[in-house]
Amino acid sequence: MYNDEEKGNNLFTAFKCLQGEDIARSVLHIISSPAHVEINDIIIRPTDEYF
């Protein structure tokens, strides 16, 4: 798979990948949170994650 460009392309077309806007929206949510809210971790994954 690692040396097969076609298989690699098929992997990433099998589901909708995250876009920069998705990450930016999450960051905006974090920095807009009230002062009494503590966010320690954030995990962002596509809902159709293949693996």
PDB file of N, CA and C in Angstrom:
ATOM      1  N   MET A   1       0.817  -1.190   0.000  1.00  0.00           N
ATOM      2  CA  MET A   1       0.000   0.000   0.000  1.00  0.00           C
ATOM      3  C   MET A   1       0.861   1.254   0.000  1.00  0.00           C
ATOM      4  N   TYR A   2       1.963   1.258   0.701  1.00  0.00           N
ATOM      5  CA  TYR A   2       2.768   2.464   0.825  1.00  0.00           C
ATOM      6  C   TYR A   2       3.429   2.874  -0.486  1.00  0.00           C
ATOM      7  N   ASN A   3       3.668   1.921  -1.368  1.00  0.00           N
ATOM      8  CA  ASN A   3       4.298   2.232  -2.643  1.00  0.00           C
ATOM      9  C   ASN A   3       3.312   2.215  -3.796  1.00  0.00           C
ATOM     10  N   ASP A   4       2.041   2.105  -3.498  1.00  0.00           N
ATOM     11  CA  ASP A   4       1.014   2.028  -4.526  1.00  0.00           C
ATOM     12  C   ASP A   4       0.165   3.300  -4.471  1.00  0.00           C
ATOM     13  N   GLU A   5       0.435   4.218  -5.379  1.00  0.00           N
ATOM     14  CA  GLU A   5      -0.256   5.512  -5.369  1.00  0.00           C
ATOM     15  C   GLU A   5      -1.761   5.351  -5.556  1.00  0.00           C
ATOM     16  N   GLU A   6      -2.169   4.423  -6.402  1.00  0.00           N
ATOM     17  CA  GLU A   6      -3.597   4.212  -6.643  1.00  0.00           C
ATOM     18  C   GLU A   6      -4.316   3.760  -5.371  1.00  0.00           C
ATOM     19  N   LYS A   7      -3.729   2.832  -4.632  1.00  0.00           N
ATOM     20  CA  LYS A   7      -4.338   2.378  -3.373  1.00  0.00           C
ATOM     21  C   LYS A   7      -4.388   3.519  -2.361  1.00  0.00           C
ATOM     22  N   GLY A   8      -3.343   4.330  -2.324  1.00  0.00           N
ATOM     23  CA  GLY A   8      -3.330   5.482  -1.425  1.00  0.00           C
ATOM     24  C   GLY A   8      -4.426   6.471  -1.765  1.00  0.00           C
ATOM     25  N   ASN A   9      -4.600   6.756  -3.048  1.00  0.00           N
ATOM     26  CA  ASN A   9      -5.662   7.669  -3.478  1.00  0.00           C
ATOM     27  C   ASN A   9      -7.034   7.099  -3.169  1.00  0.00           C
ATOM     28  N   ASN A  10      -7.199   5.794  -3.357  1.00  0.00           N
ATOM     29  CA  ASN A  10      -8.482   5.156  -3.042  1.00  0.00           C
ATOM     30  C   ASN A  10      -8.799   5.252  -1.557  1.00  0.00           C
ATOM     31  N   LEU A  11      -7.793   5.139  -0.731  1.00  0.00           N
ATOM     32  CA  LEU A  11      -7.990   5.241   0.714  1.00  0.00           C
ATOM     33  C   LEU A  11      -8.567   6.603   1.081  1.00  0.00           C
ATOM     34  N   PHE A  12      -8.033   7.667   0.498  1.00  0.00           N
ATOM     35  CA  PHE A  12      -8.471   9.010   0.866  1.00  0.00           C
ATOM     36  C   PHE A  12      -9.708   9.474   0.118  1.00  0.00           C
ATOM     37  N   THR A  13     -10.138   8.751  -0.886  1.00  0.00           N
ATOM     38  CA  THR A  13     -11.400   9.083  -1.534  1.00  0.00           C
ATOM     39  C   THR A  13     -12.538   8.230  -0.995  1.00  0.00           C
ATOM     40  N   ALA A  14     -12.228   7.286  -0.118  1.00  0.00           N
ATOM     41  CA  ALA A  14     -13.247   6.410   0.456  1.00  0.00           C
ATOM     42  C   ALA A  14     -14.096   7.132   1.498  1.00  0.00           C
ATOM     43  N   PHE A  15     -13.627   8.238   2.033  1.00  0.00           N
ATOM     44  CA  PHE A  15     -14.381   8.994   3.030  1.00  0.00           C
ATOM     45  C   PHE A  15     -14.044  10.477   2.896  1.00  0.00           C
ATOM     46  N   LYS A  16     -14.874  11.303   3.496  1.00  0.00           N
ATOM     47  CA  LYS A  16     -14.663  12.745   3.434  1.00  0.00           C
ATOM     48  C   LYS A  16     -13.596  13.138   4.455  1.00  0.00           C
ATOM     49  N   CYS A  17     -12.503  13.677   3.978  1.00  0.00           N
ATOM     50  CA  CYS A  17     -11.398  14.090   4.852  1.00  0.00           C
ATOM     51  C   CYS A  17     -11.727  15.406   5.545  1.00  0.00           C
ATOM     52  N   LEU A  18     -11.069  15.648   6.655  1.00  0.00           N
ATOM     53  CA  LEU A  18     -11.208  16.927   7.337  1.00  0.00           C
ATOM     54  C   LEU A  18     -10.609  18.034   6.481  1.00  0.00           C
ATOM     55  N   GLN A  19     -11.183  19.204   6.594  1.00  0.00           N
ATOM     56  CA  GLN A  19     -10.698  20.380   5.883  1.00  0.00           C
ATOM     57  C   GLN A  19     -10.124  21.362   6.901  1.00  0.00           C
ATOM     58  N   GLY A  20      -9.312  22.272   6.437  1.00  0.00           N
ATOM     59  CA  GLY A  20      -8.741  23.284   7.321  1.00  0.00           C
ATOM     60  C   GLY A  20      -9.813  24.065   8.063  1.00  0.00           C
ATOM     61  N   GLU A  21     -10.931  24.300   7.402  1.00  0.00           N
ATOM     62  CA  GLU A  21     -12.040  25.029   8.022  1.00  0.00           C
ATOM     63  C   GLU A  21     -12.602  24.268   9.224  1.00  0.00           C
ATOM     64  N   ASP A  22     -12.597  22.955   9.164  1.00  0.00           N
ATOM     65  CA  ASP A  22     -13.074  22.140  10.288  1.00  0.00           C
ATOM     66  C   ASP A  22     -12.209  22.373  11.525  1.00  0.00           C
ATOM     67  N   ILE A  23     -10.909  22.402  11.325  1.00  0.00           N
ATOM     68  CA  ILE A  23      -9.974  22.630  12.431  1.00  0.00           C
ATOM     69  C   ILE A  23     -10.115  24.060  12.940  1.00  0.00           C
ATOM     70  N   ALA A  24     -10.192  25.007  12.016  1.00  0.00           N
ATOM     71  CA  ALA A  24     -10.321  26.417  12.403  1.00  0.00           C
ATOM     72  C   ALA A  24     -11.582  26.651  13.227  1.00  0.00           C
ATOM     73  N   ARG A  25     -12.681  26.014  12.850  1.00  0.00           N
ATOM     74  CA  ARG A  25     -13.930  26.158  13.598  1.00  0.00           C
ATOM     75  C   ARG A  25     -13.778  25.616  15.016  1.00  0.00           C
ATOM     76  N   SER A  26     -13.062  24.515  15.147  1.00  0.00           N
ATOM     77  CA  SER A  26     -12.825  23.930  16.472  1.00  0.00           C
ATOM     78  C   SER A  26     -11.951  24.832  17.332  1.00  0.00           C
ATOM     79  N   VAL A  27     -10.912  25.402  16.733  1.00  0.00           N
ATOM     80  CA  VAL A  27     -10.032  26.322  17.461  1.00  0.00           C
ATOM     81  C   VAL A  27     -10.817  27.557  17.895  1.00  0.00           C
ATOM     82  N   LEU A  28     -11.655  28.080  17.023  1.00  0.00           N
ATOM     83  CA  LEU A  28     -12.472  29.240  17.373  1.00  0.00           C
ATOM     84  C   LEU A  28     -13.384  28.924  18.552  1.00  0.00           C
ATOM     85  N   HIS A  29     -13.958  27.737  18.554  1.00  0.00           N
ATOM     86  CA  HIS A  29     -14.804  27.319  19.675  1.00  0.00           C
ATOM     87  C   HIS A  29     -13.998  27.298  20.977  1.00  0.00           C
ATOM     88  N   ILE A  30     -12.780  26.774  20.921  1.00  0.00           N
ATOM     89  CA  ILE A  30     -11.934  26.685  22.115  1.00  0.00           C
ATOM     90  C   ILE A  30     -11.590  28.071  22.642  1.00  0.00           C
ATOM     91  N   ILE A  31     -11.131  28.951  21.775  1.00  0.00           N
ATOM     92  CA  ILE A  31     -10.706  30.276  22.252  1.00  0.00           C
ATOM     93  C   ILE A  31     -11.887  31.174  22.601  1.00  0.00           C
ATOM     94  N   SER A  32     -13.100  30.791  22.182  1.00  0.00           N
ATOM     95  CA  SER A  32     -14.292  31.566  22.522  1.00  0.00           C
ATOM     96  C   SER A  32     -14.961  31.077  23.804  1.00  0.00           C
ATOM     97  N   SER A  33     -14.458  30.001  24.361  1.00  0.00           N
ATOM     98  CA  SER A  33     -15.056  29.446  25.577  1.00  0.00           C
ATOM     99  C   SER A  33     -14.896  30.413  26.744  1.00  0.00           C
ATOM    100  N   PRO A  34     -15.856  30.417  27.662  1.00  0.00           N
ATOM    101  CA  PRO A  34     -15.761  31.283  28.837  1.00  0.00           C
ATOM    102  C   PRO A  34     -14.526  30.956  29.676  1.00  0.00           C
ATOM    103  N   ALA A  35     -14.104  31.904  30.475  1.00  0.00           N
ATOM    104  CA  ALA A  35     -12.892  31.752  31.285  1.00  0.00           C
ATOM    105  C   ALA A  35     -12.991  30.589  32.277  1.00  0.00           C
ATOM    106  N   HIS A  36     -14.218  30.240  32.693  1.00  0.00           N
ATOM    107  CA  HIS A  36     -14.363  29.152  33.667  1.00  0.00           C
ATOM    108  C   HIS A  36     -14.337  27.763  33.014  1.00  0.00           C
ATOM    109  N   VAL A  37     -14.194  27.713  31.704  1.00  0.00           N
ATOM    110  CA  VAL A  37     -14.137  26.438  30.981  1.00  0.00           C
ATOM    111  C   VAL A  37     -12.682  26.094  30.708  1.00  0.00           C
ATOM    112  N   GLU A  38     -12.292  24.897  31.104  1.00  0.00           N
ATOM    113  CA  GLU A  38     -10.925  24.432  30.869  1.00  0.00           C
ATOM    114  C   GLU A  38     -10.969  23.279  29.873  1.00  0.00           C
ATOM    115  N   ILE A  39     -10.323  23.460  28.753  1.00  0.00           N
ATOM    116  CA  ILE A  39     -10.257  22.414  27.733  1.00  0.00           C
ATOM    117  C   ILE A  39      -8.845  21.868  27.744  1.00  0.00           C
ATOM    118  N   ASN A  40      -8.708  20.614  28.128  1.00  0.00           N
ATOM    119  CA  ASN A  40      -7.393  19.997  28.248  1.00  0.00           C
ATOM    120  C   ASN A  40      -6.975  19.240  27.000  1.00  0.00           C
ATOM    121  N   ASP A  41      -7.916  18.602  26.362  1.00  0.00           N
ATOM    122  CA  ASP A  41      -7.611  17.774  25.194  1.00  0.00           C
ATOM    123  C   ASP A  41      -8.669  17.989  24.126  1.00  0.00           C
ATOM    124  N   ILE A  42      -8.257  17.827  22.902  1.00  0.00           N
ATOM    125  CA  ILE A  42      -9.207  17.837  21.796  1.00  0.00           C
ATOM    126  C   ILE A  42      -8.730  16.812  20.771  1.00  0.00           C
ATOM    127  N   ILE A  43      -9.647  15.972  20.352  1.00  0.00           N
ATOM    128  CA  ILE A  43      -9.366  14.978  19.318  1.00  0.00           C
ATOM    129  C   ILE A  43     -10.354  15.236  18.189  1.00  0.00           C
ATOM    130  N   ILE A  44      -9.836  15.463  17.024  1.00  0.00           N
ATOM    131  CA  ILE A  44     -10.679  15.749  15.867  1.00  0.00           C
ATOM    132  C   ILE A  44     -10.420  14.671  14.821  1.00  0.00           C
ATOM    133  N   ARG A  45     -11.491  13.981  14.448  1.00  0.00           N
ATOM    134  CA  ARG A  45     -11.393  12.917  13.445  1.00  0.00           C
ATOM    135  C   ARG A  45     -12.574  13.036  12.493  1.00  0.00           C
ATOM    136  N   PRO A  46     -12.403  12.590  11.273  1.00  0.00           N
ATOM    137  CA  PRO A  46     -13.565  12.540  10.382  1.00  0.00           C
ATOM    138  C   PRO A  46     -14.529  11.459  10.868  1.00  0.00           C
ATOM    139  N   THR A  47     -15.808  11.673  10.677  1.00  0.00           N
ATOM    140  CA  THR A  47     -16.798  10.700  11.147  1.00  0.00           C
ATOM    141  C   THR A  47     -16.723   9.389  10.382  1.00  0.00           C
ATOM    142  N   ASP A  48     -16.244   9.429   9.164  1.00  0.00           N
ATOM    143  CA  ASP A  48     -16.134   8.219   8.346  1.00  0.00           C
ATOM    144  C   ASP A  48     -14.723   7.657   8.361  1.00  0.00           C
ATOM    145  N   GLU A  49     -14.000   7.866   9.447  1.00  0.00           N
ATOM    146  CA  GLU A  49     -12.605   7.436   9.507  1.00  0.00           C
ATOM    147  C   GLU A  49     -12.468   5.972   9.108  1.00  0.00           C
ATOM    148  N   TYR A  50     -11.553   5.704   8.201  1.00  0.00           N
ATOM    149  CA  TYR A  50     -11.385   4.369   7.625  1.00  0.00           C
ATOM    150  C   TYR A  50     -10.672   3.409   8.571  1.00  0.00           C
ATOM    151  N   PHE A  51      -9.718   3.895   9.336  1.00  0.00           N
ATOM    152  CA  PHE A  51      -8.923   3.027  10.196  1.00  0.00           C
ATOM    153  C   PHE A  51      -8.984   3.478  11.620  1.00  0.00           C
TER     154      PHE A  51
END
